[in-house]
């Protein structure tokens, strides 16, 4: 059951809650631009890590797990790919239509959802073709 759930939906829910409720940030600074930590570098620069950076890093970790999960075959995997398409479409609509989602952080997240469903379908298709060729099918 848990294999069907696209993990990037978790990121979408977190982003939506933080953006729509305004729970973090101020009226002039959105939550994803608020500084999470400032790290001094050896060069003397100070690296400002924002909450948006942390969000994207966590989303990339979830994307990595999704890509690993895409190598599995079966009905749960197919359902995961279908739900990943839904997550991408919802993210695309939010990006285009809803205020607070038209920014670079959400665009990069939306790109991850696109890569998730495309990689899932491509890996599944290649695996199925290989299985047909090994099994003596057409190839």
Protein backbone atom coordinates (compact mmCIF):
# COMPACT_ATOMS: atom_id res chain seq x y z
CA UNK A 1 0.00 0.00 0.00
CA UNK A 2 2.71 2.51 0.94
CA UNK A 3 4.55 1.74 -2.32
CA UNK A 4 1.70 3.38 -4.27
CA UNK A 5 1.96 6.74 -2.49
CA UNK A 6 4.22 9.20 -4.35
CA UNK A 7 6.63 10.66 -1.80
CA UNK A 8 6.83 14.01 -3.57
CA UNK A 9 3.19 14.53 -2.59
CA UNK A 10 4.50 15.07 0.95
CA UNK A 11 6.56 18.03 -0.28
CA UNK A 12 3.57 19.41 -2.16
CA UNK A 13 1.42 19.27 0.95
CA UNK A 14 4.13 20.95 3.08
CA UNK A 15 4.65 23.73 0.53
CA UNK A 16 0.91 24.30 0.19
CA UNK A 17 0.33 24.47 3.94
CA UNK A 18 3.21 26.88 4.49
CA UNK A 19 2.27 29.08 1.53
CA UNK A 20 -1.49 29.17 2.03
CA UNK A 21 -1.52 29.63 5.80
CA UNK A 22 1.37 32.07 5.99
CA UNK A 23 2.46 30.26 9.14
CA UNK A 24 6.13 31.14 8.57
CA UNK A 25 7.54 34.33 7.15
CA UNK A 26 6.06 37.79 7.07
CA UNK A 27 3.77 39.78 4.82
CA UNK A 28 6.77 41.06 2.86
CA UNK A 29 9.02 37.97 2.98
CA UNK A 30 7.59 34.56 2.03
CA UNK A 31 8.58 31.52 4.10
CA UNK A 32 10.91 30.09 1.45
CA UNK A 33 13.09 33.24 1.50
CA UNK A 34 13.50 33.33 5.29
CA UNK A 35 17.06 32.47 6.34
CA UNK A 36 17.37 29.06 7.97
CA UNK A 37 21.03 29.31 8.88
CA UNK A 38 24.08 31.38 7.98
CA UNK A 39 27.23 29.36 7.45
CA UNK A 40 30.67 31.03 7.38
CA UNK A 41 32.85 29.71 4.58
CA UNK A 42 36.65 29.40 4.51
CA UNK A 43 36.71 31.99 1.71
CA UNK A 44 35.20 34.56 4.07
CA UNK A 45 31.80 34.47 2.40
CA UNK A 46 28.69 33.77 4.42
CA UNK A 47 26.32 31.25 2.90
CA UNK A 48 22.70 32.12 3.65
CA UNK A 49 20.68 28.91 3.58
CA UNK A 50 16.98 29.69 3.25
CA UNK A 51 13.98 27.53 4.11
CA UNK A 52 13.40 27.19 0.36
CA UNK A 53 16.85 25.63 0.02
CA UNK A 54 16.05 23.19 2.83
CA UNK A 55 12.71 22.38 1.18
CA UNK A 56 14.41 21.65 -2.17
CA UNK A 57 17.10 19.53 -0.51
CA UNK A 58 14.48 17.43 1.29
CA UNK A 59 12.47 17.14 -1.94
CA UNK A 60 15.57 15.93 -3.80
CA UNK A 61 16.01 13.24 -1.16
CA UNK A 62 12.41 12.14 -1.73
CA UNK A 63 13.00 12.23 -5.51
CA UNK A 64 16.01 9.94 -5.06
CA UNK A 65 13.90 7.43 -3.15
CA UNK A 66 11.17 7.70 -5.82
CA UNK A 67 13.71 6.97 -8.55
CA UNK A 68 14.89 3.90 -6.66
CA UNK A 69 11.26 2.78 -6.25
CA UNK A 70 10.62 3.25 -9.98
CA UNK A 71 12.80 0.24 -10.77
CA UNK A 72 10.24 -2.12 -9.27
CA UNK A 73 7.49 -3.61 -11.39
CA UNK A 74 3.99 -4.60 -10.46
CA UNK A 75 0.54 -3.12 -10.03
CA UNK A 76 1.59 -0.94 -7.07
CA UNK A 77 4.39 0.53 -9.17
CA UNK A 78 1.99 1.35 -12.02
CA UNK A 79 -0.38 3.01 -9.55
CA UNK A 80 2.55 4.99 -8.11
CA UNK A 81 3.40 6.28 -11.59
CA UNK A 82 -0.22 7.27 -12.19
CA UNK A 83 -0.38 9.11 -8.87
CA UNK A 84 2.93 10.79 -9.69
CA UNK A 85 1.29 12.21 -12.82
CA UNK A 86 -1.51 13.56 -10.63
CA UNK A 87 1.06 15.20 -8.31
CA UNK A 88 2.75 16.82 -11.32
CA UNK A 89 -0.54 18.10 -12.77
CA UNK A 90 -1.60 19.53 -9.40
CA UNK A 91 1.81 21.19 -9.01
CA UNK A 92 1.60 22.61 -12.54
CA UNK A 93 -1.87 24.02 -11.91
CA UNK A 94 -0.78 25.53 -8.58
CA UNK A 95 2.25 27.10 -10.27
CA UNK A 96 0.15 28.66 -13.03
CA UNK A 97 -3.03 29.60 -11.15
CA UNK A 98 -2.54 30.06 -7.39
CA UNK A 99 -0.84 33.07 -5.85
CA UNK A 100 2.21 32.18 -3.75
CA UNK A 101 3.26 29.26 -5.97
CA UNK A 102 4.74 31.21 -8.90
CA UNK A 103 8.35 31.30 -7.76
CA UNK A 104 11.65 29.60 -8.52
CA UNK A 105 11.55 27.31 -5.48
CA UNK A 106 8.18 25.87 -6.50
CA UNK A 107 9.22 25.73 -10.17
CA UNK A 108 12.24 23.59 -9.28
CA UNK A 109 10.01 21.38 -7.12
CA UNK A 110 7.53 21.07 -9.99
CA UNK A 111 10.43 20.04 -12.26
CA UNK A 112 11.24 17.26 -9.78
CA UNK A 113 7.66 15.98 -9.99
CA UNK A 114 7.97 15.95 -13.78
CA UNK A 115 11.24 14.00 -13.61
CA UNK A 116 9.65 11.58 -11.14
CA UNK A 117 6.79 10.53 -13.35
CA UNK A 118 8.83 10.56 -16.58
CA UNK A 119 11.60 8.44 -15.06
CA UNK A 120 9.03 6.05 -13.62
CA UNK A 121 7.31 5.46 -16.94
CA UNK A 122 10.58 5.20 -18.87
CA UNK A 123 12.14 2.74 -16.41
CA UNK A 124 8.94 0.65 -16.36
CA UNK A 125 8.76 0.61 -20.17
CA UNK A 126 12.42 -0.36 -20.57
CA UNK A 127 12.08 -3.06 -17.91
CA UNK A 128 8.96 -4.47 -19.55
CA UNK A 129 10.64 -4.56 -22.97
CA UNK A 130 13.66 -6.31 -21.48
CA UNK A 131 11.43 -8.84 -19.71
CA UNK A 132 9.61 -9.56 -22.98
CA UNK A 133 12.92 -10.03 -24.82
CA UNK A 134 14.28 -12.38 -22.13
CA UNK A 135 11.02 -14.31 -22.01
CA UNK A 136 11.10 -14.97 -25.75
CA UNK A 137 8.60 -12.26 -26.67
CA UNK A 138 8.81 -9.73 -29.44
CA UNK A 139 11.80 -7.39 -29.08
